[in-house]
Structures are given as structure tokens and as C-alpha cells.
């Protein structure tokens, strides 16, 4: 799960599509339930490392209580529930308004992270950050399917930790793939030579 270069960005408008190179990085969302025995599960998420830094290990990650706001657009301060979102990681649905607007509202409410659940492909956090330069909380994307699985597996009282492990620059599995490829070509050449004899 090394850094990736996503080339597709779709605006909130269903009509306008355009391509931009967006730097995004995969990270791990470690979710834990409060059941007995304690259960936990890891999910993949995308975030922009230029906006927010994440710890590289699970041990260094901070536990944050998760709050489901997927039924709320979170486009106005009035969308914040009466119980508040202070010190929570809030999950919102993609759409209605730009996720940076949602992040600004979540930050004003005291949230620590904004997780945008998307029904289809994971889109990396992007947008005109200069308009929302005061937004400091973590913005990440998770798939809606993963979020539903998280609720079904772990229940409603979920705590999350988010981290981005550092990966080596060289992938050693490529050596094995290279050896298999060379062996296949050499064997094919040898066999071809035997048949011609």
C-alpha cells in the first residue's frame, strides 16, 4: 500500500467530470468494537499526505470514537447533532456539498477527523485547499461498503485508529516475478529449440 498517483477526480456535480493528477496515499483505518471479546478489523482509506500527517504505526495512532453522520448532509452548522461531535471521527456521505465544506463544519464542531464514505470508487481528497486553508482536521475517504461492514461486524460503538505505514521503496515480490518471467522465456526458448531438432 505505497503512495499512489490517482488521475481521476470527479466534482460533486454529476454532470462535470475532469481529470487532474492528485497525490493521494493509502492508509489503514483500524476499527475496534466494544463487544466481548474485543473485536477489531482493518480497512483501507485514502488521504492526502500534503494536508495531514498520520503516524506510521498503530501503536502511535490516537484512538478516536466514531460517529455515523451518513444520514446528515453536514453542509450547515445546524446539521451537527445535539450531542455534538467534539473529539469524534465523523463519517459523512459523499455529495450534497463539497467535502471541504463538510470538513470546515466538522472542525467548527470540534471533530478530530472527517471520513467521507463513497458508494463507488475511492476518490482521493482533493480540491482547492487555498479556500479552506484553516481546515486542519484529517480528511480521508473510505468505501461505503467498508463502513457498512464495519457497523455490521463491530456494532455501533466503534473506536478507530488511523495510520499510514511506511513501505520500502523496493518491492521484493518484483524479484520473484522477474525470475518467473525469465525462467518462462528461457524454458520456452529451450523447448522451441528441442522441437526444431
C-alpha atoms as a PDB file:
ATOM      1  CA  UNK A   1       0.000   0.000   0.000  1.00  0.00           C
ATOM      2  CA  UNK A   2       2.596   2.530  -1.062  1.00  0.00           C
ATOM      3  CA  UNK A   3       1.703   6.021  -2.196  1.00  0.00           C
ATOM      4  CA  UNK A   4      -0.309   6.133  -5.381  1.00  0.00           C
ATOM      5  CA  UNK A   5      -0.921   8.726  -8.051  1.00  0.00           C
ATOM      6  CA  UNK A   6      -4.654   8.900  -8.765  1.00  0.00           C
ATOM      7  CA  UNK A   7      -5.567  10.545 -12.022  1.00  0.00           C
ATOM      8  CA  UNK A   8      -9.296  10.832 -11.700  1.00  0.00           C
ATOM      9  CA  UNK A   9     -11.197  13.500  -9.813  1.00  0.00           C
ATOM     10  CA  UNK A  10     -14.930  13.940 -10.046  1.00  0.00           C
ATOM     11  CA  UNK A  11     -16.622  17.053  -8.702  1.00  0.00           C
ATOM     12  CA  UNK A  12     -19.758  16.831  -6.563  1.00  0.00           C
ATOM     13  CA  UNK A  13     -21.794  17.832  -9.640  1.00  0.00           C
ATOM     14  CA  UNK A  14     -22.984  14.736 -11.517  1.00  0.00           C
ATOM     15  CA  UNK A  15     -22.507  16.481 -14.866  1.00  0.00           C
ATOM     16  CA  UNK A  16     -18.965  17.864 -14.643  1.00  0.00           C
ATOM     17  CA  UNK A  17     -16.065  15.407 -14.955  1.00  0.00           C
ATOM     18  CA  UNK A  18     -12.419  16.382 -15.329  1.00  0.00           C
ATOM     19  CA  UNK A  19      -9.042  14.763 -14.802  1.00  0.00           C
ATOM     20  CA  UNK A  20      -6.346  16.102 -12.515  1.00  0.00           C
ATOM     21  CA  UNK A  21      -3.212  14.464 -11.146  1.00  0.00           C
ATOM     22  CA  UNK A  22      -3.875  14.137  -7.408  1.00  0.00           C
ATOM     23  CA  UNK A  23      -1.324  12.943  -4.865  1.00  0.00           C
ATOM     24  CA  UNK A  24      -3.067  10.522  -2.516  1.00  0.00           C
ATOM     25  CA  UNK A  25      -1.829   7.886  -0.185  1.00  0.00           C
ATOM     26  CA  UNK A  26      -3.404   4.753   1.141  1.00  0.00           C
ATOM     27  CA  UNK A  27      -3.626   4.343   4.889  1.00  0.00           C
ATOM     28  CA  UNK A  28      -5.130   1.895   7.354  1.00  0.00           C
ATOM     29  CA  UNK A  29      -8.248   2.527   9.395  1.00  0.00           C
ATOM     30  CA  UNK A  30      -8.095   0.193  12.403  1.00  0.00           C
ATOM     31  CA  UNK A  31     -11.611  -0.131  13.842  1.00  0.00           C
ATOM     32  CA  UNK A  32     -12.403  -1.719  17.214  1.00  0.00           C
ATOM     33  CA  UNK A  33     -15.758  -2.608  18.728  1.00  0.00           C
ATOM     34  CA  UNK A  34     -16.677  -2.712  22.414  1.00  0.00           C
ATOM     35  CA  UNK A  35     -18.029  -6.263  22.403  1.00  0.00           C
ATOM     36  CA  UNK A  36     -16.720  -9.168  24.429  1.00  0.00           C
ATOM     37  CA  UNK A  37     -14.323 -10.446  23.220  1.00  0.00           C
ATOM     38  CA  UNK A  38     -12.940  -7.230  21.803  1.00  0.00           C
ATOM     39  CA  UNK A  39     -13.031  -7.411  18.043  1.00  0.00           C
ATOM     40  CA  UNK A  40     -11.180  -5.286  15.525  1.00  0.00           C
ATOM     41  CA  UNK A  41     -10.763  -5.063  11.792  1.00  0.00           C
ATOM     42  CA  UNK A  42      -8.590  -3.080   9.384  1.00  0.00           C
ATOM     43  CA  UNK A  43      -9.926  -1.132   6.401  1.00  0.00           C
ATOM     44  CA  UNK A  44      -8.244   0.745   3.587  1.00  0.00           C
ATOM     45  CA  UNK A  45      -8.682   4.500   3.266  1.00  0.00           C
ATOM     46  CA  UNK A  46      -7.249   7.290   1.131  1.00  0.00           C
ATOM     47  CA  UNK A  47      -5.968  10.588   2.454  1.00  0.00           C
ATOM     48  CA  UNK A  48      -3.834  13.442   1.199  1.00  0.00           C
ATOM     49  CA  UNK A  49      -0.448  13.403   2.978  1.00  0.00           C
ATOM     50  CA  UNK A  50       0.157  17.023   1.944  1.00  0.00           C
ATOM     51  CA  UNK A  51      -2.779  18.096   4.097  1.00  0.00           C
ATOM     52  CA  UNK A  52      -2.420  15.912   7.186  1.00  0.00           C
ATOM     53  CA  UNK A  53       0.311  13.692   8.590  1.00  0.00           C
ATOM     54  CA  UNK A  54      -0.543  10.294  10.024  1.00  0.00           C
ATOM     55  CA  UNK A  55       1.603   8.177  12.361  1.00  0.00           C
ATOM     56  CA  UNK A  56       3.411   5.260  10.743  1.00  0.00           C
ATOM     57  CA  UNK A  57       2.456   2.614  13.319  1.00  0.00           C
ATOM     58  CA  UNK A  58      -0.729   1.503  15.053  1.00  0.00           C
ATOM     59  CA  UNK A  59       0.912   1.991  18.446  1.00  0.00           C
ATOM     60  CA  UNK A  60       1.477   5.697  17.747  1.00  0.00           C
ATOM     61  CA  UNK A  61      -2.060   6.278  16.436  1.00  0.00           C
ATOM     62  CA  UNK A  62      -4.640   8.002  18.626  1.00  0.00           C
ATOM     63  CA  UNK A  63      -7.953   6.296  19.430  1.00  0.00           C
ATOM     64  CA  UNK A  64     -10.963   8.309  18.295  1.00  0.00           C
ATOM     65  CA  UNK A  65     -14.619   7.455  18.804  1.00  0.00           C
ATOM     66  CA  UNK A  66     -16.502   7.073  15.509  1.00  0.00           C
ATOM     67  CA  UNK A  67     -19.833   8.812  14.851  1.00  0.00           C
ATOM     68  CA  UNK A  68     -22.117   7.924  11.942  1.00  0.00           C
ATOM     69  CA  UNK A  69     -23.488  11.041  10.222  1.00  0.00           C
ATOM     70  CA  UNK A  70     -24.173   9.426   6.840  1.00  0.00           C
ATOM     71  CA  UNK A  71     -27.857  10.337   7.127  1.00  0.00           C
ATOM     72  CA  UNK A  72     -26.943  14.022   7.633  1.00  0.00           C
ATOM     73  CA  UNK A  73     -25.598  16.190   4.789  1.00  0.00           C
ATOM     74  CA  UNK A  74     -23.328  18.168   7.199  1.00  0.00           C
ATOM     75  CA  UNK A  75     -23.461  21.211   4.928  1.00  0.00           C
ATOM     76  CA  UNK A  76     -24.564  23.605   7.708  1.00  0.00           C
ATOM     77  CA  UNK A  77     -23.704  24.002  11.378  1.00  0.00           C
ATOM     78  CA  UNK A  78     -27.332  23.113  12.116  1.00  0.00           C
ATOM     79  CA  UNK A  79     -26.625  19.603  10.740  1.00  0.00           C
ATOM     80  CA  UNK A  80     -24.421  18.834  13.763  1.00  0.00           C
ATOM     81  CA  UNK A  81     -26.437  16.601  16.128  1.00  0.00           C
ATOM     82  CA  UNK A  82     -27.363  17.969  19.595  1.00  0.00           C
ATOM     83  CA  UNK A  83     -24.976  15.522  21.308  1.00  0.00           C
ATOM     84  CA  UNK A  84     -22.127  17.184  19.400  1.00  0.00           C
ATOM     85  CA  UNK A  85     -19.169  15.810  17.505  1.00  0.00           C
ATOM     86  CA  UNK A  86     -16.333  17.060  19.720  1.00  0.00           C
ATOM     87  CA  UNK A  87     -13.306  14.742  19.663  1.00  0.00           C
ATOM     88  CA  UNK A  88     -15.016  12.341  17.244  1.00  0.00           C
ATOM     89  CA  UNK A  89     -14.191  10.926  13.835  1.00  0.00           C
ATOM     90  CA  UNK A  90     -17.359  11.607  11.858  1.00  0.00           C
ATOM     91  CA  UNK A  91     -18.434   9.585   8.830  1.00  0.00           C
ATOM     92  CA  UNK A  92     -20.406  11.539   6.221  1.00  0.00           C
ATOM     93  CA  UNK A  93     -21.816  10.612   2.849  1.00  0.00           C
ATOM     94  CA  UNK A  94     -20.223  11.867  -0.386  1.00  0.00           C
ATOM     95  CA  UNK A  95     -22.236  14.603  -2.098  1.00  0.00           C
ATOM     96  CA  UNK A  96     -24.696  17.412  -1.333  1.00  0.00           C
ATOM     97  CA  UNK A  97     -21.857  19.892  -0.744  1.00  0.00           C
ATOM     98  CA  UNK A  98     -18.070  19.754  -1.245  1.00  0.00           C
ATOM     99  CA  UNK A  99     -16.233  17.656   1.317  1.00  0.00           C
ATOM    100  CA  UNK A 100     -14.030  20.637   2.254  1.00  0.00           C
ATOM    101  CA  UNK A 101     -17.191  22.460   3.341  1.00  0.00           C
ATOM    102  CA  UNK A 102     -18.144  19.392   5.376  1.00  0.00           C
ATOM    103  CA  UNK A 103     -14.631  19.386   6.881  1.00  0.00           C
ATOM    104  CA  UNK A 104     -14.888  23.052   7.841  1.00  0.00           C
ATOM    105  CA  UNK A 105     -18.214  22.439   9.599  1.00  0.00           C
ATOM    106  CA  UNK A 106     -16.897  19.292  11.307  1.00  0.00           C
ATOM    107  CA  UNK A 107     -13.856  21.215  12.542  1.00  0.00           C
ATOM    108  CA  UNK A 108     -16.055  24.019  13.908  1.00  0.00           C
ATOM    109  CA  UNK A 109     -17.987  21.320  15.775  1.00  0.00           C
ATOM    110  CA  UNK A 110     -14.755  20.031  17.327  1.00  0.00           C
ATOM    111  CA  UNK A 111     -14.360  16.814  15.306  1.00  0.00           C
ATOM    112  CA  UNK A 112     -10.911  15.273  15.002  1.00  0.00           C
ATOM    113  CA  UNK A 113     -11.383  13.586  11.614  1.00  0.00           C
ATOM    114  CA  UNK A 114     -13.780  13.545   8.681  1.00  0.00           C
ATOM    115  CA  UNK A 115     -14.270  10.237   6.880  1.00  0.00           C
ATOM    116  CA  UNK A 116     -16.140  10.570   3.596  1.00  0.00           C
ATOM    117  CA  UNK A 117     -17.974   7.371   2.642  1.00  0.00           C
ATOM    118  CA  UNK A 118     -18.323   6.909  -1.097  1.00  0.00           C
ATOM    119  CA  UNK A 119     -20.611   4.391  -2.808  1.00  0.00           C
ATOM    120  CA  UNK A 120     -18.358   3.652  -5.758  1.00  0.00           C
ATOM    121  CA  UNK A 121     -14.653   4.231  -6.350  1.00  0.00           C
ATOM    122  CA  UNK A 122     -12.468   5.791  -3.686  1.00  0.00           C
ATOM    123  CA  UNK A 123     -11.603   9.321  -4.748  1.00  0.00           C
ATOM    124  CA  UNK A 124      -8.566  10.905  -3.149  1.00  0.00           C
ATOM    125  CA  UNK A 125      -9.080  14.035  -1.071  1.00  0.00           C
ATOM    126  CA  UNK A 126      -8.526  16.953  -3.404  1.00  0.00           C
ATOM    127  CA  UNK A 127      -9.930  20.341  -4.136  1.00  0.00           C
ATOM    128  CA  UNK A 128      -8.987  23.959  -3.819  1.00  0.00           C
ATOM    129  CA  UNK A 129      -7.328  23.784  -0.414  1.00  0.00           C
ATOM    130  CA  UNK A 130      -6.443  27.502  -0.506  1.00  0.00           C
ATOM    131  CA  UNK A 131     -10.121  28.358   0.016  1.00  0.00           C
ATOM    132  CA  UNK A 132     -10.185  26.273   3.192  1.00  0.00           C
ATOM    133  CA  UNK A 133      -6.618  26.749   4.452  1.00  0.00           C
ATOM    134  CA  UNK A 134      -7.830  26.887   8.063  1.00  0.00           C
ATOM    135  CA  UNK A 135      -9.139  23.295   7.932  1.00  0.00           C
ATOM    136  CA  UNK A 136      -6.669  21.248   9.971  1.00  0.00           C
ATOM    137  CA  UNK A 137      -8.536  18.038  10.736  1.00  0.00           C
ATOM    138  CA  UNK A 138      -7.839  14.764   8.940  1.00  0.00           C
ATOM    139  CA  UNK A 139      -9.907  14.254   5.788  1.00  0.00           C
ATOM    140  CA  UNK A 140      -9.990  10.712   4.429  1.00  0.00           C
ATOM    141  CA  UNK A 141     -12.102   8.613   2.076  1.00  0.00           C
ATOM    142  CA  UNK A 142     -13.414   5.134   2.808  1.00  0.00           C
ATOM    143  CA  UNK A 143     -15.753   2.989   0.766  1.00  0.00           C
ATOM    144  CA  UNK A 144     -19.373   2.945   1.869  1.00  0.00           C
ATOM    145  CA  UNK A 145     -19.287  -0.863   1.652  1.00  0.00           C
ATOM    146  CA  UNK A 146     -16.415  -0.969   4.169  1.00  0.00           C
ATOM    147  CA  UNK A 147     -18.261   1.374   6.516  1.00  0.00           C
ATOM    148  CA  UNK A 148     -21.382  -0.806   6.419  1.00  0.00           C
ATOM    149  CA  UNK A 149     -19.212  -3.881   7.056  1.00  0.00           C
ATOM    150  CA  UNK A 150     -17.614  -2.063   9.992  1.00  0.00           C
ATOM    151  CA  UNK A 151     -21.028  -1.385  11.551  1.00  0.00           C
ATOM    152  CA  UNK A 152     -22.251  -4.953  10.975  1.00  0.00           C
ATOM    153  CA  UNK A 153     -19.053  -6.528  12.292  1.00  0.00           C
ATOM    154  CA  UNK A 154     -18.267  -4.227  15.215  1.00  0.00           C
ATOM    155  CA  UNK A 155     -21.614  -2.701  16.192  1.00  0.00           C
ATOM    156  CA  UNK A 156     -22.454   0.949  16.769  1.00  0.00           C
ATOM    157  CA  UNK A 157     -19.862   1.803  19.425  1.00  0.00           C
ATOM    158  CA  UNK A 158     -16.684   1.890  17.321  1.00  0.00           C
ATOM    159  CA  UNK A 159     -13.267   3.343  18.070  1.00  0.00           C
ATOM    160  CA  UNK A 160     -10.836   3.969  15.223  1.00  0.00           C
ATOM    161  CA  UNK A 161      -7.114   4.488  14.843  1.00  0.00           C
ATOM    162  CA  UNK A 162      -5.661   5.753  11.572  1.00  0.00           C
ATOM    163  CA  UNK A 163      -2.091   5.256  10.453  1.00  0.00           C
ATOM    164  CA  UNK A 164      -0.029   5.119   7.293  1.00  0.00           C
ATOM    165  CA  UNK A 165       2.740   2.512   7.465  1.00  0.00           C
ATOM    166  CA  UNK A 166       5.939   3.329   5.660  1.00  0.00           C
ATOM    167  CA  UNK A 167       6.664   0.923   2.840  1.00  0.00           C
ATOM    168  CA  UNK A 168      10.050   0.138   1.318  1.00  0.00           C
ATOM    169  CA  UNK A 169      10.869   1.839  -1.965  1.00  0.00           C
ATOM    170  CA  UNK A 170      11.721  -1.527  -3.499  1.00  0.00           C
ATOM    171  CA  UNK A 171       9.102  -4.259  -3.755  1.00  0.00           C
ATOM    172  CA  UNK A 172      10.835  -7.630  -3.307  1.00  0.00           C
ATOM    173  CA  UNK A 173       7.965  -9.508  -4.916  1.00  0.00           C
ATOM    174  CA  UNK A 174       9.088  -7.952  -8.204  1.00  0.00           C
ATOM    175  CA  UNK A 175      12.275 -10.074  -7.977  1.00  0.00           C
ATOM    176  CA  UNK A 176      10.173 -13.237  -7.835  1.00  0.00           C
ATOM    177  CA  UNK A 177       8.020 -12.069 -10.756  1.00  0.00           C
ATOM    178  CA  UNK A 178      11.183 -11.266 -12.741  1.00  0.00           C
ATOM    179  CA  UNK A 179      12.676 -14.714 -12.034  1.00  0.00           C
ATOM    180  CA  UNK A 180       9.444 -16.425 -13.097  1.00  0.00           C
ATOM    181  CA  UNK A 181       9.339 -14.343 -16.303  1.00  0.00           C
ATOM    182  CA  UNK A 182      12.981 -15.087 -17.203  1.00  0.00           C
ATOM    183  CA  UNK A 183      12.524 -18.789 -16.413  1.00  0.00           C
ATOM    184  CA  UNK A 184       9.387 -18.939 -18.584  1.00  0.00           C
ATOM    185  CA  UNK A 185      11.101 -17.261 -21.553  1.00  0.00           C
ATOM    186  CA  UNK A 186      14.210 -19.453 -21.183  1.00  0.00           C
ATOM    187  CA  UNK A 187      12.125 -22.620 -20.914  1.00  0.00           C
ATOM    188  CA  UNK A 188      10.062 -21.564 -23.945  1.00  0.00           C
ATOM    189  CA  UNK A 189      13.244 -20.920 -25.953  1.00  0.00           C
ATOM    190  CA  UNK A 190      14.735 -24.267 -24.911  1.00  0.00           C
ATOM    191  CA  UNK A 191      11.539 -26.135 -25.769  1.00  0.00           C
ATOM    192  CA  UNK A 192      11.284 -24.354 -29.115  1.00  0.00           C
ATOM    193  CA  UNK A 193      14.866 -25.404 -29.880  1.00  0.00           C
ATOM    194  CA  UNK A 194      14.125 -29.051 -28.991  1.00  0.00           C
ATOM    195  CA  UNK A 195      11.080 -29.149 -31.257  1.00  0.00           C
ATOM    196  CA  UNK A 196      13.086 -27.839 -34.247  1.00  0.00           C
ATOM    197  CA  UNK A 197      15.637 -30.661 -33.896  1.00  0.00           C
END
